[in-house]
Protein backbone atom coordinates (compact mmCIF):
# COMPACT_ATOMS: atom_id res chain seq x y z
CA MET A 1 0.16 -0.10 0.15
CA GLN A 2 3.06 2.42 0.79
CA ASN A 3 4.23 1.99 -2.51
CA VAL A 4 1.46 2.48 -4.34
CA ILE A 5 0.90 6.35 -2.72
CA TYR A 6 4.99 6.51 -3.05
CA THR A 7 4.39 5.92 -6.96
CA ARG A 8 1.35 7.98 -7.23
CA PHE A 9 3.08 10.69 -5.97
CA LEU A 10 6.04 10.30 -8.22
CA ILE A 11 3.96 9.12 -11.27
CA PHE A 12 2.06 12.51 -11.38
CA PRO A 13 4.86 15.06 -11.12
CA ALA A 14 7.12 13.12 -13.87
CA ILE A 15 3.95 13.12 -16.10
CA LEU A 16 3.52 17.00 -15.37
CA PHE A 17 6.88 17.56 -16.21
CA LEU A 18 7.00 15.47 -19.46
CA MET A 19 3.75 17.62 -20.97
CA VAL A 20 5.03 20.97 -19.43
CA CYS A 21 8.42 20.34 -21.44
CA LEU A 22 6.93 18.59 -24.71
CA SER A 23 4.53 21.46 -25.52
CA CYS A 24 7.24 24.09 -25.40
CA GLU A 25 8.90 25.15 -28.77
CA HIS A 26 12.20 25.48 -28.87
CA ASP A 27 14.01 27.41 -31.41
CA LYS A 28 17.92 27.04 -30.81
CA ASP A 29 18.89 29.98 -33.20
CA ASN A 30 16.52 32.47 -31.82
CA ASP A 31 17.28 31.99 -28.31
CA ILE A 32 18.26 35.14 -27.47
CA GLU A 33 15.54 36.54 -28.94
CA MET A 34 13.25 34.30 -27.16
CA ILE A 35 14.47 35.59 -23.76
CA ASP A 36 14.96 39.51 -24.52
CA PRO A 37 13.67 40.64 -27.96
CA CYS A 38 15.85 43.81 -28.38
CA PRO A 39 18.90 42.70 -29.45
CA PRO A 40 19.92 44.25 -32.95
CA ILE A 41 21.50 41.14 -34.30
CA VAL A 42 21.66 37.73 -32.65
CA TYR A 43 24.65 36.82 -30.80
CA SER A 44 25.63 33.58 -32.19
CA LYS A 45 24.71 35.14 -35.54
CA ILE A 46 27.26 38.16 -35.12
CA TRP A 47 30.27 35.59 -34.28
CA ASP A 48 29.41 33.55 -37.36
CA CYS A 49 29.18 37.30 -39.34
CA HIS A 50 32.56 38.18 -38.11
CA ARG A 51 34.13 35.14 -38.46
CA ALA A 52 33.16 35.26 -42.68
CA THR A 53 35.80 37.52 -42.56
CA ILE A 54 39.96 37.59 -41.59
CA TRP A 55 40.37 40.80 -40.39
CA THR A 56 43.80 42.31 -39.83
CA LYS A 57 44.35 45.21 -37.52
CA GLN A 58 44.43 47.86 -40.56
CA GLU A 59 40.60 46.84 -41.73
CA ILE A 60 39.64 47.25 -38.27
CA ASN A 61 40.72 50.25 -37.92
CA ASP A 62 39.06 50.83 -41.04
CA ALA A 63 35.92 49.36 -40.39
CA LEU A 64 35.33 51.41 -36.74
CA ILE A 65 36.32 54.98 -38.35
CA GLY A 66 32.79 56.93 -38.26
CA LYS A 67 30.05 57.46 -36.43
CA TRP A 68 28.23 55.46 -34.35
CA GLN A 69 24.55 54.99 -32.38
CA TRP A 70 24.66 52.81 -29.21
CA LYS A 71 21.80 50.30 -29.58
CA TYR A 72 21.75 47.69 -26.87
CA MET A 73 23.50 46.44 -23.64
CA LYS A 74 23.68 43.19 -21.87
CA CYS A 75 25.57 42.45 -19.08
CA ALA A 76 26.50 38.82 -17.89
CA PHE A 77 25.21 39.39 -14.34
CA PHE A 78 21.69 40.84 -14.99
CA PRO A 79 20.62 40.04 -18.19
CA GLN A 80 16.91 40.86 -17.74
CA ASN A 81 18.14 44.21 -17.15
CA ALA A 82 19.19 44.77 -20.49
CA LEU A 83 18.95 48.17 -22.19
CA CYS A 84 17.84 48.49 -26.00
CA ASP A 85 16.62 51.11 -28.30
CA SER A 86 19.21 54.45 -27.83
CA ILE A 87 17.70 54.46 -24.17
CA PRO A 88 20.28 56.53 -23.33
CA ASP A 89 21.19 58.41 -26.64
CA ILE A 90 24.58 57.62 -26.99
CA THR A 91 27.46 58.13 -30.08
CA VAL A 92 30.79 57.45 -30.82
CA GLU A 93 33.22 58.69 -33.15
CA PHE A 94 36.00 57.11 -33.98
CA ASN A 95 38.02 59.03 -36.19
CA ALA A 96 41.21 58.02 -38.40
CA ASN A 97 43.83 60.10 -36.26
CA HIS A 98 42.66 57.60 -33.41
CA THR A 99 40.92 60.50 -31.51
CA MET A 100 37.62 59.41 -30.27
CA ILE A 101 34.21 61.45 -29.09
CA ALA A 102 31.59 60.29 -26.99
CA LYS A 103 28.50 61.80 -26.75
CA LEU A 104 25.28 61.27 -24.41
CA ASP A 105 22.20 63.30 -25.68
CA GLY A 106 24.61 65.12 -28.21
CA GLU A 107 26.96 66.47 -25.08
CA ILE A 108 30.50 65.61 -25.22
CA VAL A 109 30.93 63.08 -22.00
CA GLN A 110 34.51 61.86 -23.14
CA THR A 111 37.22 62.44 -25.99
CA SER A 112 39.64 59.46 -25.67
CA THR A 113 42.55 58.50 -28.10
CA TRP A 114 42.30 54.62 -29.25
CA GLU A 115 44.02 51.88 -30.37
CA VAL A 116 43.38 48.04 -31.72
CA ASP A 117 44.87 45.13 -30.21
CA GLN A 118 45.09 42.33 -32.72
CA TYR A 119 44.93 38.92 -30.76
CA ASP A 120 44.47 36.70 -33.88
CA GLU A 121 42.63 37.37 -37.23
CA TYR A 122 39.07 37.41 -35.49
CA LEU A 123 39.72 38.75 -31.83
CA SER A 124 40.79 41.88 -31.31
CA GLU A 125 40.00 45.08 -28.79
CA ILE A 126 40.05 48.73 -28.26
CA LYS A 127 42.63 50.21 -26.22
CA THR A 128 41.24 53.99 -25.33
CA GLU A 129 43.05 56.51 -22.89
CA PRO A 130 41.40 57.52 -20.82
CA PHE A 131 39.48 54.50 -20.40
CA SER A 132 35.78 53.91 -22.02
CA ASP A 133 33.80 50.82 -20.54
CA ILE A 134 31.44 51.00 -23.36
CA LEU A 135 33.75 50.08 -25.65
CA LEU A 136 35.07 46.72 -23.90
CA GLY A 137 35.26 43.42 -25.33
CA TRP A 138 36.09 41.52 -28.30
CA VAL A 139 35.14 44.02 -31.01
CA LEU A 140 32.89 42.01 -33.28
CA PHE A 141 31.66 43.46 -37.06
CA CYS A 142 28.19 42.27 -38.89
CA ASP A 143 27.09 44.59 -41.31
CA ASP A 144 26.40 47.76 -40.23
CA PHE A 145 26.33 46.84 -36.60
CA VAL A 146 30.17 46.39 -34.36
CA ALA A 147 29.45 44.58 -30.89
CA PHE A 148 32.16 45.00 -27.99
CA ASN A 149 31.23 41.73 -26.14
CA TYR A 150 32.56 41.46 -22.81
CA SER A 151 30.25 39.10 -21.21
CA TYR A 152 33.26 36.22 -21.64
CA ILE A 153 34.62 38.00 -18.53
CA ASP A 154 31.13 38.76 -16.93
CA GLY A 155 31.12 42.34 -17.60
CA CYS A 156 28.75 43.68 -20.24
CA ASP A 157 27.87 43.37 -24.28
CA ASN A 158 27.41 47.08 -26.07
CA PHE A 159 25.91 47.10 -29.72
CA PHE A 160 26.24 49.75 -31.87
CA LYS A 161 25.11 50.58 -35.66
CA ARG A 162 26.65 52.90 -38.12
CA VAL A 163 25.08 56.14 -38.81
CA GLN A 164 28.11 57.78 -40.63
């Protein structure tokens, strides 16, 4: 009699669990979009897109030059607090003379010098002086987006879209 009671308590939760799991749709390519609808480009796709090109230091320099509008930020420790849709309005302009101007709501908040540190044909990052935390991480290009991927060491990822 006691085994029957234990069996009922085990079978019902197991059946319920299976029903819930089987009723869920899972699209591995869109995991990030299912969790968070606002990233401008899916994480797995930006890596694939970036790795489709072998990048030299000069090509990275050339690709960065211009004006970029901040679009999205997601941090490793608090992914539920992602920010998107240009709130706040941040732009970063990389100049050919290796100066950088960051603006918040049209007002200059930082000027820096910048240079690319390249580790291999896919992995590089930017060093700024003075330091700029929204430009930390691997520099990844895809179409008219650049991402600064810092979540690999529990930081934040910032995505920018080219405006000029």
